[in-house]
Amino acid sequence: MEEIDTVNLVANHVHKWWLRDRSGTLPAGRIVLMATEDENQWWRFECGSEGDRHYITGTEWSRFVQPRIDARLTLYAQQDGENFHRMKVTMRRN
């Protein structure tokens, strides 16, 4: 899977995450992003864009991020046959 962006989630990401499309593969407008920690539980978010920047915001996003502060979130490019981009959460070990 091609990596688009990686971020360590911090408190200011609870309300909105402005992401960088390092791959140049995200289309303008609204797209669907799917997130998972363990491939068993999935979350679905809509991602918007303003100019050449993309963002995720909203109540569901806030609920998702808040308990995952300090986790690493990696966004991957869409795979063949899928109509969404995938995010993988890696929790930090204490």
N, C-alpha and C. Protein backbone atom coordinates (compact mmCIF):
# COMPACT_ATOMS: atom_id res chain seq x y z
N MET A 1 0.84 -1.17 0.00
CA MET A 1 0.00 0.00 0.00
C MET A 1 0.89 1.24 0.00
N GLU A 2 0.53 2.20 -0.81
CA GLU A 2 1.28 3.44 -0.88
C GLU A 2 0.86 4.38 0.24
N GLU A 3 1.85 4.86 1.00
CA GLU A 3 1.58 5.76 2.11
C GLU A 3 1.35 7.18 1.59
N ILE A 4 0.27 7.80 2.06
CA ILE A 4 -0.04 9.18 1.69
C ILE A 4 0.46 10.15 2.75
N ASP A 5 0.17 9.88 4.02
CA ASP A 5 0.60 10.75 5.11
C ASP A 5 0.59 9.98 6.41
N THR A 6 1.44 10.40 7.36
CA THR A 6 1.49 9.82 8.69
C THR A 6 1.52 10.96 9.69
N VAL A 7 0.80 10.79 10.79
CA VAL A 7 0.76 11.82 11.83
C VAL A 7 0.69 11.15 13.19
N ASN A 8 1.34 11.77 14.18
CA ASN A 8 1.13 11.38 15.57
C ASN A 8 -0.03 12.23 16.05
N LEU A 9 -1.12 11.60 16.45
CA LEU A 9 -2.31 12.34 16.86
C LEU A 9 -2.04 13.13 18.15
N VAL A 10 -2.38 14.41 18.10
CA VAL A 10 -2.24 15.31 19.25
C VAL A 10 -3.58 15.97 19.50
N ALA A 11 -3.70 16.71 20.60
CA ALA A 11 -4.98 17.29 21.00
C ALA A 11 -5.62 18.15 19.93
N ASN A 12 -4.84 18.91 19.16
CA ASN A 12 -5.48 19.76 18.15
C ASN A 12 -6.05 18.97 16.97
N HIS A 13 -5.76 17.69 16.87
CA HIS A 13 -6.36 16.86 15.82
C HIS A 13 -7.76 16.39 16.19
N VAL A 14 -8.17 16.58 17.44
CA VAL A 14 -9.50 16.14 17.87
C VAL A 14 -10.58 16.83 17.05
N HIS A 15 -10.40 18.08 16.72
CA HIS A 15 -11.42 18.83 15.98
C HIS A 15 -11.23 18.78 14.48
N LYS A 16 -9.99 18.75 14.02
CA LYS A 16 -9.74 18.71 12.57
C LYS A 16 -8.32 18.26 12.32
N TRP A 17 -8.15 17.42 11.31
CA TRP A 17 -6.81 17.03 10.87
C TRP A 17 -6.64 17.52 9.43
N TRP A 18 -5.72 18.44 9.24
CA TRP A 18 -5.33 18.86 7.89
C TRP A 18 -4.22 17.93 7.46
N LEU A 19 -4.43 17.19 6.39
CA LEU A 19 -3.44 16.21 5.97
C LEU A 19 -2.75 16.64 4.68
N ARG A 20 -1.56 16.11 4.53
CA ARG A 20 -0.77 16.38 3.34
C ARG A 20 -0.80 15.15 2.44
N ASP A 21 -1.10 15.36 1.20
CA ASP A 21 -1.13 14.27 0.23
C ASP A 21 0.24 14.20 -0.45
N ARG A 22 1.15 13.49 0.18
CA ARG A 22 2.52 13.37 -0.35
C ARG A 22 2.55 12.58 -1.66
N SER A 23 1.54 11.77 -1.87
CA SER A 23 1.52 10.91 -3.07
C SER A 23 0.88 11.60 -4.26
N GLY A 24 0.06 12.63 -4.01
CA GLY A 24 -0.66 13.29 -5.10
C GLY A 24 -1.81 12.45 -5.62
N THR A 25 -2.30 11.49 -4.84
CA THR A 25 -3.35 10.58 -5.31
C THR A 25 -4.75 10.93 -4.84
N LEU A 26 -4.90 11.80 -3.84
CA LEU A 26 -6.24 12.13 -3.36
C LEU A 26 -6.93 13.08 -4.33
N PRO A 27 -8.15 12.75 -4.71
CA PRO A 27 -8.89 13.65 -5.61
C PRO A 27 -9.45 14.84 -4.84
N ALA A 28 -9.75 15.90 -5.53
CA ALA A 28 -10.40 17.06 -4.92
C ALA A 28 -11.83 16.68 -4.55
N GLY A 29 -12.42 17.41 -3.63
CA GLY A 29 -13.80 17.13 -3.22
C GLY A 29 -13.85 16.16 -2.07
N ARG A 30 -14.99 15.53 -1.91
CA ARG A 30 -15.22 14.62 -0.79
C ARG A 30 -14.84 13.20 -1.17
N ILE A 31 -14.14 12.54 -0.23
CA ILE A 31 -13.77 11.14 -0.40
C ILE A 31 -14.04 10.41 0.92
N VAL A 32 -14.08 9.10 0.88
CA VAL A 32 -14.30 8.27 2.07
C VAL A 32 -12.96 7.71 2.53
N LEU A 33 -12.74 7.82 3.86
CA LEU A 33 -11.56 7.23 4.49
C LEU A 33 -12.03 6.22 5.52
N MET A 34 -11.44 5.05 5.52
CA MET A 34 -11.77 4.00 6.48
C MET A 34 -10.57 3.84 7.40
N ALA A 35 -10.83 3.74 8.73
CA ALA A 35 -9.76 3.59 9.71
C ALA A 35 -9.96 2.30 10.51
N THR A 36 -8.82 1.68 10.88
CA THR A 36 -8.87 0.48 11.70
C THR A 36 -7.64 0.42 12.59
N GLU A 37 -7.79 -0.25 13.73
CA GLU A 37 -6.66 -0.52 14.60
C GLU A 37 -6.23 -1.98 14.47
N ASP A 38 -7.19 -2.84 14.17
CA ASP A 38 -6.91 -4.28 14.24
C ASP A 38 -7.57 -5.11 13.14
N GLU A 39 -8.08 -4.45 12.12
CA GLU A 39 -8.78 -5.10 11.01
C GLU A 39 -10.13 -5.71 11.42
N ASN A 40 -10.50 -5.65 12.70
CA ASN A 40 -11.79 -6.17 13.15
C ASN A 40 -12.83 -5.07 13.33
N GLN A 41 -12.38 -3.90 13.76
CA GLN A 41 -13.27 -2.76 13.96
C GLN A 41 -12.88 -1.65 12.98
N TRP A 42 -13.88 -1.10 12.30
CA TRP A 42 -13.63 -0.08 11.29
C TRP A 42 -14.44 1.17 11.58
N TRP A 43 -13.89 2.32 11.22
CA TRP A 43 -14.56 3.61 11.30
C TRP A 43 -14.55 4.23 9.92
N ARG A 44 -15.60 4.98 9.59
CA ARG A 44 -15.73 5.60 8.27
C ARG A 44 -15.81 7.11 8.45
N PHE A 45 -14.98 7.83 7.70
CA PHE A 45 -14.96 9.29 7.76
C PHE A 45 -15.00 9.86 6.35
N GLU A 46 -15.66 11.00 6.22
CA GLU A 46 -15.60 11.72 4.96
C GLU A 46 -14.50 12.75 5.08
N CYS A 47 -13.74 12.88 4.03
CA CYS A 47 -12.63 13.82 3.96
C CYS A 47 -12.99 14.88 2.93
N GLY A 48 -12.83 16.13 3.30
CA GLY A 48 -13.09 17.23 2.39
C GLY A 48 -11.80 17.85 1.90
N SER A 49 -11.91 18.80 1.01
CA SER A 49 -10.72 19.50 0.52
C SER A 49 -11.02 20.97 0.33
N GLU A 50 -9.99 21.75 0.50
CA GLU A 50 -10.01 23.18 0.22
C GLU A 50 -8.75 23.46 -0.57
N GLY A 51 -8.92 23.78 -1.82
CA GLY A 51 -7.74 23.97 -2.67
C GLY A 51 -6.97 22.67 -2.77
N ASP A 52 -5.69 22.72 -2.44
CA ASP A 52 -4.86 21.51 -2.53
C ASP A 52 -4.67 20.84 -1.16
N ARG A 53 -5.46 21.24 -0.16
CA ARG A 53 -5.36 20.66 1.18
C ARG A 53 -6.61 19.83 1.48
N HIS A 54 -6.42 18.75 2.24
CA HIS A 54 -7.51 17.87 2.64
C HIS A 54 -7.66 17.91 4.15
N TYR A 55 -8.87 17.61 4.63
CA TYR A 55 -9.12 17.64 6.07
C TYR A 55 -10.21 16.65 6.45
N ILE A 56 -10.17 16.24 7.74
CA ILE A 56 -11.22 15.41 8.34
C ILE A 56 -11.68 16.15 9.59
N THR A 57 -12.99 16.26 9.76
CA THR A 57 -13.56 16.94 10.91
C THR A 57 -14.91 16.31 11.24
N GLY A 58 -15.53 16.73 12.34
CA GLY A 58 -16.86 16.26 12.69
C GLY A 58 -16.89 15.50 14.00
N THR A 59 -18.10 15.23 14.47
CA THR A 59 -18.32 14.59 15.75
C THR A 59 -17.71 13.18 15.79
N GLU A 60 -17.94 12.39 14.76
CA GLU A 60 -17.39 11.02 14.75
C GLU A 60 -15.87 11.04 14.77
N TRP A 61 -15.28 11.97 14.03
CA TRP A 61 -13.82 12.11 14.01
C TRP A 61 -13.33 12.44 15.42
N SER A 62 -13.98 13.39 16.10
CA SER A 62 -13.57 13.78 17.46
C SER A 62 -13.65 12.60 18.41
N ARG A 63 -14.72 11.82 18.31
CA ARG A 63 -14.88 10.63 19.17
C ARG A 63 -13.80 9.59 18.88
N PHE A 64 -13.40 9.49 17.63
CA PHE A 64 -12.37 8.54 17.23
C PHE A 64 -10.99 8.96 17.76
N VAL A 65 -10.65 10.23 17.61
CA VAL A 65 -9.30 10.70 17.93
C VAL A 65 -9.07 10.82 19.44
N GLN A 66 -10.03 11.33 20.18
CA GLN A 66 -9.82 11.65 21.59
C GLN A 66 -9.17 10.52 22.39
N PRO A 67 -9.64 9.28 22.32
CA PRO A 67 -8.99 8.23 23.11
C PRO A 67 -7.69 7.71 22.47
N ARG A 68 -7.33 8.26 21.32
CA ARG A 68 -6.14 7.79 20.61
C ARG A 68 -5.03 8.84 20.53
N ILE A 69 -5.10 9.85 21.40
CA ILE A 69 -4.04 10.85 21.44
C ILE A 69 -2.70 10.13 21.66
N ASP A 70 -1.69 10.53 20.94
CA ASP A 70 -0.34 9.95 20.93
C ASP A 70 -0.22 8.71 20.05
N ALA A 71 -1.31 8.24 19.46
CA ALA A 71 -1.21 7.12 18.53
C ALA A 71 -0.69 7.62 17.18
N ARG A 72 -0.18 6.73 16.38
CA ARG A 72 0.27 7.06 15.04
C ARG A 72 -0.81 6.67 14.07
N LEU A 73 -1.16 7.58 13.17
CA LEU A 73 -2.19 7.34 12.17
C LEU A 73 -1.55 7.45 10.79
N THR A 74 -1.68 6.40 10.00
CA THR A 74 -1.11 6.39 8.66
C THR A 74 -2.23 6.24 7.64
N LEU A 75 -2.22 7.12 6.65
CA LEU A 75 -3.21 7.09 5.57
C LEU A 75 -2.57 6.46 4.34
N TYR A 76 -3.25 5.47 3.77
CA TYR A 76 -2.74 4.76 2.60
C TYR A 76 -3.62 5.04 1.38
N ALA A 77 -3.02 4.96 0.22
CA ALA A 77 -3.74 5.17 -1.04
C ALA A 77 -4.76 4.05 -1.26
N GLN A 78 -5.74 4.38 -2.03
CA GLN A 78 -6.80 3.43 -2.40
C GLN A 78 -6.19 2.25 -3.14
N GLN A 79 -6.64 1.05 -2.82
CA GLN A 79 -6.16 -0.14 -3.51
C GLN A 79 -7.10 -0.49 -4.66
N ASP A 80 -6.60 -1.28 -5.58
CA ASP A 80 -7.43 -1.71 -6.71
C ASP A 80 -8.70 -2.38 -6.20
N GLY A 81 -9.82 -2.01 -6.79
CA GLY A 81 -11.10 -2.61 -6.46
C GLY A 81 -11.78 -2.02 -5.24
N GLU A 82 -11.15 -1.04 -4.58
CA GLU A 82 -11.76 -0.41 -3.42
C GLU A 82 -12.17 1.02 -3.78
N ASN A 83 -13.22 1.52 -3.14
CA ASN A 83 -13.65 2.89 -3.40
C ASN A 83 -13.41 3.76 -2.17
N PHE A 84 -12.39 3.41 -1.37
CA PHE A 84 -12.05 4.21 -0.18
C PHE A 84 -10.54 4.14 0.03
N HIS A 85 -10.05 5.11 0.80
CA HIS A 85 -8.66 5.11 1.24
C HIS A 85 -8.64 4.58 2.66
N ARG A 86 -7.56 3.95 3.06
CA ARG A 86 -7.46 3.24 4.33
C ARG A 86 -6.52 3.96 5.30
N MET A 87 -6.93 4.04 6.58
CA MET A 87 -6.07 4.58 7.62
C MET A 87 -5.81 3.48 8.64
N LYS A 88 -4.59 3.39 9.10
CA LYS A 88 -4.20 2.39 10.10
C LYS A 88 -3.72 3.11 11.35
N VAL A 89 -4.26 2.75 12.50
CA VAL A 89 -3.89 3.34 13.78
C VAL A 89 -2.92 2.40 14.49
N THR A 90 -1.82 2.94 14.96
CA THR A 90 -0.86 2.17 15.75
C THR A 90 -0.74 2.85 17.10
N MET A 91 -1.20 2.18 18.13
CA MET A 91 -1.15 2.74 19.49
C MET A 91 0.27 2.66 20.00
N ARG A 92 0.68 3.70 20.74
CA ARG A 92 2.00 3.72 21.34
C ARG A 92 2.04 2.76 22.51
N ARG A 93 3.16 2.12 22.69
CA ARG A 93 3.33 1.22 23.84
C ARG A 93 4.00 2.00 24.95
N ASN A 94 3.50 1.85 26.16
CA ASN A 94 4.07 2.57 27.31
C ASN A 94 5.15 1.76 27.96
